[in-house]
Protein backbone atom coordinates (compact mmCIF):
# COMPACT_ATOMS: atom_id res chain seq x y z
CA UNK A 1 0.00 0.00 0.00
CA UNK A 2 1.29 3.46 -0.98
CA UNK A 3 1.11 5.98 1.88
CA UNK A 4 2.05 9.04 -0.16
CA UNK A 5 -0.31 11.99 -0.09
CA UNK A 6 -1.31 13.48 -3.41
CA UNK A 7 -1.35 17.26 -3.47
CA UNK A 8 -3.65 18.85 -6.05
CA UNK A 9 -1.72 20.87 -8.59
CA UNK A 10 -3.24 23.83 -10.37
CA UNK A 11 -2.49 23.86 -14.08
CA UNK A 12 -0.17 26.66 -15.18
CA UNK A 13 -2.58 28.10 -17.75
CA UNK A 14 -6.17 27.94 -18.95
CA UNK A 15 -8.19 28.73 -22.05
CA UNK A 16 -10.64 31.63 -22.43
CA UNK A 17 -13.52 29.69 -20.88
CA UNK A 18 -11.43 28.83 -17.83
CA UNK A 19 -10.23 32.44 -17.58
CA UNK A 20 -13.80 33.74 -17.72
CA UNK A 21 -14.82 31.37 -14.92
CA UNK A 22 -11.70 32.12 -12.88
CA UNK A 23 -12.00 35.92 -12.84
CA UNK A 24 -15.79 36.13 -13.16
CA UNK A 25 -15.77 38.58 -16.05
CA UNK A 26 -17.10 38.28 -19.57
CA UNK A 27 -15.28 36.89 -22.56
CA UNK A 28 -15.68 40.29 -24.27
CA UNK A 29 -14.00 42.05 -21.35
CA UNK A 30 -11.04 39.69 -21.41
CA UNK A 31 -10.63 40.02 -25.18
CA UNK A 32 -10.82 43.83 -24.89
CA UNK A 33 -8.15 43.79 -22.18
CA UNK A 34 -5.95 41.55 -24.36
CA UNK A 35 -6.37 43.87 -27.35
CA UNK A 36 -5.51 46.91 -25.20
CA UNK A 37 -2.34 45.16 -24.02
CA UNK A 38 -3.36 45.10 -20.36
CA UNK A 39 -3.86 41.32 -20.12
CA UNK A 40 -0.97 39.19 -21.30
CA UNK A 41 -1.65 35.88 -22.98
CA UNK A 42 0.23 33.26 -24.94
CA UNK A 43 -0.57 31.50 -28.17
CA UNK A 44 0.15 27.79 -28.36
CA UNK A 45 -0.53 26.74 -31.91
CA UNK A 46 -3.79 28.52 -32.62
CA UNK A 47 -4.98 28.37 -29.02
CA UNK A 48 -4.97 31.33 -26.65
CA UNK A 49 -3.91 30.55 -23.10
CA UNK A 50 -3.83 32.64 -19.93
CA UNK A 51 -1.42 31.92 -17.10
CA UNK A 52 -3.15 31.97 -13.73
CA UNK A 53 -0.44 34.21 -12.26
CA UNK A 54 -1.15 36.75 -15.03
CA UNK A 55 -4.90 36.57 -14.41
CA UNK A 56 -4.25 37.22 -10.72
CA UNK A 57 -1.95 40.17 -11.50
CA UNK A 58 -4.43 41.69 -13.93
CA UNK A 59 -7.45 41.18 -11.64
CA UNK A 60 -5.65 42.77 -8.68
CA UNK A 61 -4.68 45.71 -10.87
CA UNK A 62 -8.20 46.44 -12.12
CA UNK A 63 -10.10 45.52 -8.97
CA UNK A 64 -11.21 48.40 -6.79
CA UNK A 65 -12.26 47.95 -3.17
CA UNK A 66 -15.97 48.33 -2.52
CA UNK A 67 -16.90 51.62 -0.89
C-alpha atoms as a PDB file:
ATOM      1  CA  UNK A   1       0.000   0.000   0.000  1.00  0.00           C
ATOM      2  CA  UNK A   2       1.289   3.458  -0.978  1.00  0.00           C
ATOM      3  CA  UNK A   3       1.108   5.978   1.884  1.00  0.00           C
ATOM      4  CA  UNK A   4       2.055   9.040  -0.163  1.00  0.00           C
ATOM      5  CA  UNK A   5      -0.308  11.985  -0.095  1.00  0.00           C
ATOM      6  CA  UNK A   6      -1.308  13.475  -3.406  1.00  0.00           C
ATOM      7  CA  UNK A   7      -1.347  17.257  -3.468  1.00  0.00           C
ATOM      8  CA  UNK A   8      -3.652  18.850  -6.046  1.00  0.00           C
ATOM      9  CA  UNK A   9      -1.724  20.867  -8.588  1.00  0.00           C
ATOM     10  CA  UNK A  10      -3.237  23.835 -10.371  1.00  0.00           C
ATOM     11  CA  UNK A  11      -2.487  23.859 -14.080  1.00  0.00           C
ATOM     12  CA  UNK A  12      -0.174  26.657 -15.177  1.00  0.00           C
ATOM     13  CA  UNK A  13      -2.580  28.097 -17.746  1.00  0.00           C
ATOM     14  CA  UNK A  14      -6.167  27.942 -18.946  1.00  0.00           C
ATOM     15  CA  UNK A  15      -8.188  28.729 -22.047  1.00  0.00           C
ATOM     16  CA  UNK A  16     -10.635  31.628 -22.429  1.00  0.00           C
ATOM     17  CA  UNK A  17     -13.520  29.688 -20.876  1.00  0.00           C
ATOM     18  CA  UNK A  18     -11.427  28.835 -17.833  1.00  0.00           C
ATOM     19  CA  UNK A  19     -10.226  32.439 -17.576  1.00  0.00           C
ATOM     20  CA  UNK A  20     -13.803  33.745 -17.722  1.00  0.00           C
ATOM     21  CA  UNK A  21     -14.823  31.369 -14.925  1.00  0.00           C
ATOM     22  CA  UNK A  22     -11.703  32.119 -12.881  1.00  0.00           C
ATOM     23  CA  UNK A  23     -11.999  35.921 -12.837  1.00  0.00           C
ATOM     24  CA  UNK A  24     -15.788  36.126 -13.158  1.00  0.00           C
ATOM     25  CA  UNK A  25     -15.771  38.576 -16.051  1.00  0.00           C
ATOM     26  CA  UNK A  26     -17.105  38.276 -19.566  1.00  0.00           C
ATOM     27  CA  UNK A  27     -15.277  36.888 -22.560  1.00  0.00           C
ATOM     28  CA  UNK A  28     -15.683  40.285 -24.270  1.00  0.00           C
ATOM     29  CA  UNK A  29     -13.997  42.052 -21.348  1.00  0.00           C
ATOM     30  CA  UNK A  30     -11.038  39.686 -21.415  1.00  0.00           C
ATOM     31  CA  UNK A  31     -10.630  40.020 -25.184  1.00  0.00           C
ATOM     32  CA  UNK A  32     -10.816  43.829 -24.890  1.00  0.00           C
ATOM     33  CA  UNK A  33      -8.149  43.790 -22.181  1.00  0.00           C
ATOM     34  CA  UNK A  34      -5.954  41.550 -24.362  1.00  0.00           C
ATOM     35  CA  UNK A  35      -6.365  43.872 -27.346  1.00  0.00           C
ATOM     36  CA  UNK A  36      -5.508  46.915 -25.204  1.00  0.00           C
ATOM     37  CA  UNK A  37      -2.339  45.165 -24.021  1.00  0.00           C
ATOM     38  CA  UNK A  38      -3.356  45.099 -20.364  1.00  0.00           C
ATOM     39  CA  UNK A  39      -3.857  41.323 -20.121  1.00  0.00           C
ATOM     40  CA  UNK A  40      -0.972  39.194 -21.298  1.00  0.00           C
ATOM     41  CA  UNK A  41      -1.653  35.878 -22.981  1.00  0.00           C
ATOM     42  CA  UNK A  42       0.233  33.259 -24.944  1.00  0.00           C
ATOM     43  CA  UNK A  43      -0.571  31.495 -28.169  1.00  0.00           C
ATOM     44  CA  UNK A  44       0.153  27.795 -28.363  1.00  0.00           C
ATOM     45  CA  UNK A  45      -0.526  26.739 -31.906  1.00  0.00           C
ATOM     46  CA  UNK A  46      -3.791  28.521 -32.619  1.00  0.00           C
ATOM     47  CA  UNK A  47      -4.984  28.372 -29.021  1.00  0.00           C
ATOM     48  CA  UNK A  48      -4.975  31.333 -26.648  1.00  0.00           C
ATOM     49  CA  UNK A  49      -3.908  30.550 -23.098  1.00  0.00           C
ATOM     50  CA  UNK A  50      -3.830  32.637 -19.934  1.00  0.00           C
ATOM     51  CA  UNK A  51      -1.421  31.923 -17.104  1.00  0.00           C
ATOM     52  CA  UNK A  52      -3.147  31.966 -13.726  1.00  0.00           C
ATOM     53  CA  UNK A  53      -0.445  34.214 -12.265  1.00  0.00           C
ATOM     54  CA  UNK A  54      -1.153  36.750 -15.032  1.00  0.00           C
ATOM     55  CA  UNK A  55      -4.899  36.566 -14.414  1.00  0.00           C
ATOM     56  CA  UNK A  56      -4.247  37.219 -10.715  1.00  0.00           C
ATOM     57  CA  UNK A  57      -1.948  40.169 -11.504  1.00  0.00           C
ATOM     58  CA  UNK A  58      -4.435  41.692 -13.934  1.00  0.00           C
ATOM     59  CA  UNK A  59      -7.446  41.181 -11.639  1.00  0.00           C
ATOM     60  CA  UNK A  60      -5.650  42.768  -8.679  1.00  0.00           C
ATOM     61  CA  UNK A  61      -4.679  45.714 -10.871  1.00  0.00           C
ATOM     62  CA  UNK A  62      -8.204  46.437 -12.118  1.00  0.00           C
ATOM     63  CA  UNK A  63     -10.105  45.515  -8.975  1.00  0.00           C
ATOM     64  CA  UNK A  64     -11.211  48.402  -6.789  1.00  0.00           C
ATOM     65  CA  UNK A  65     -12.259  47.950  -3.172  1.00  0.00           C
ATOM     66  CA  UNK A  66     -15.971  48.333  -2.523  1.00  0.00           C
ATOM     67  CA  UNK A  67     -16.899  51.618  -0.887  1.00  0.00           C
END
